[in-house]
Amino acid sequence: MNMKYLIPAFFIACLASLSVAPAQAQEIGTVNFDFDSAELDAEAMSKIVQIAEKLKSIDSYKPTVVVGYTDAVGSSGYNLGLGQRRANAVAAALAAQGVPVDRVGLVESRGENDLLVTVSTPERRNRRVNVTLEQMMAACNNYRTVALTQRSIGAELQNDLKTRLTNARTQFKQFQSDGLNTAAFEVAGAARETCEIAVAYDMGAYRKLEYAQRCFCNAARLDVALGKIPPG
């Protein structure tokens, strides 16, 4: 039996066995809408007040993401615009409730994509705006593009750095024990090293921010190498 055909399959199996999942966005709340409308009714305003109070109570470095959706009635182009109007309406209402404008990082529309209920008829549950806190796990080409600032530094960021360090150590040891000297192994080593440095720095250290960015970037590269998130 030719071993060169067994190694790739063995490597793929080892990758699949790694069970550390990528972080998910933190759900804050959902606002629903009437058919073909971006108007905020009494129910929507009540929900927005709840979401605003929750956002103001959370001391997080993660930007708020506001995404609008529609049901499947109408053209995709029209629905994309309707979803955007809904997202804009919710973002403006949150600002009116005292949520700082600079807290909102992204306001966008997904239109009729990602239906909660897969039907082609009107469905209120699909006509929604989701408000979440973004998880910074997108593919990373350069650590300087990671959207962290000095204001990001705090207990929450430190916990996220520790989580990424634990993941990197686990995956590095897995590759090491299996003798897999691959690109993913090298990325795991880089993530482990930069996250260790980032965690070790005091909150006020000059290079804390730089190594936090490096840690996030290498952790994202590792998830790309493992197929957990798509490449940029």
Foldseek 3Di string as FASTA:
>chain_A
DDCVVVVVVVVLVLLVPQDDADDDWAFQFKAWDDAPDLDQDPRRLVRLLSSLVVLVVDLAQFAKEKEFEAAQPDDQVVQQVSRLSNQVVSLVSSVVSPDDNVSHDYGGYPGNPPAPDPDNDHDRSRGMMTITGDDLQAAADDLVPRPDDLSRQDDVLLVVLVVLLVSLVVVLVSCVVVVPPDPLNVLSVQLNVLSVVLNPDDSPDPCNVVSSSSNSNSSSVSCCVSVNHPHD
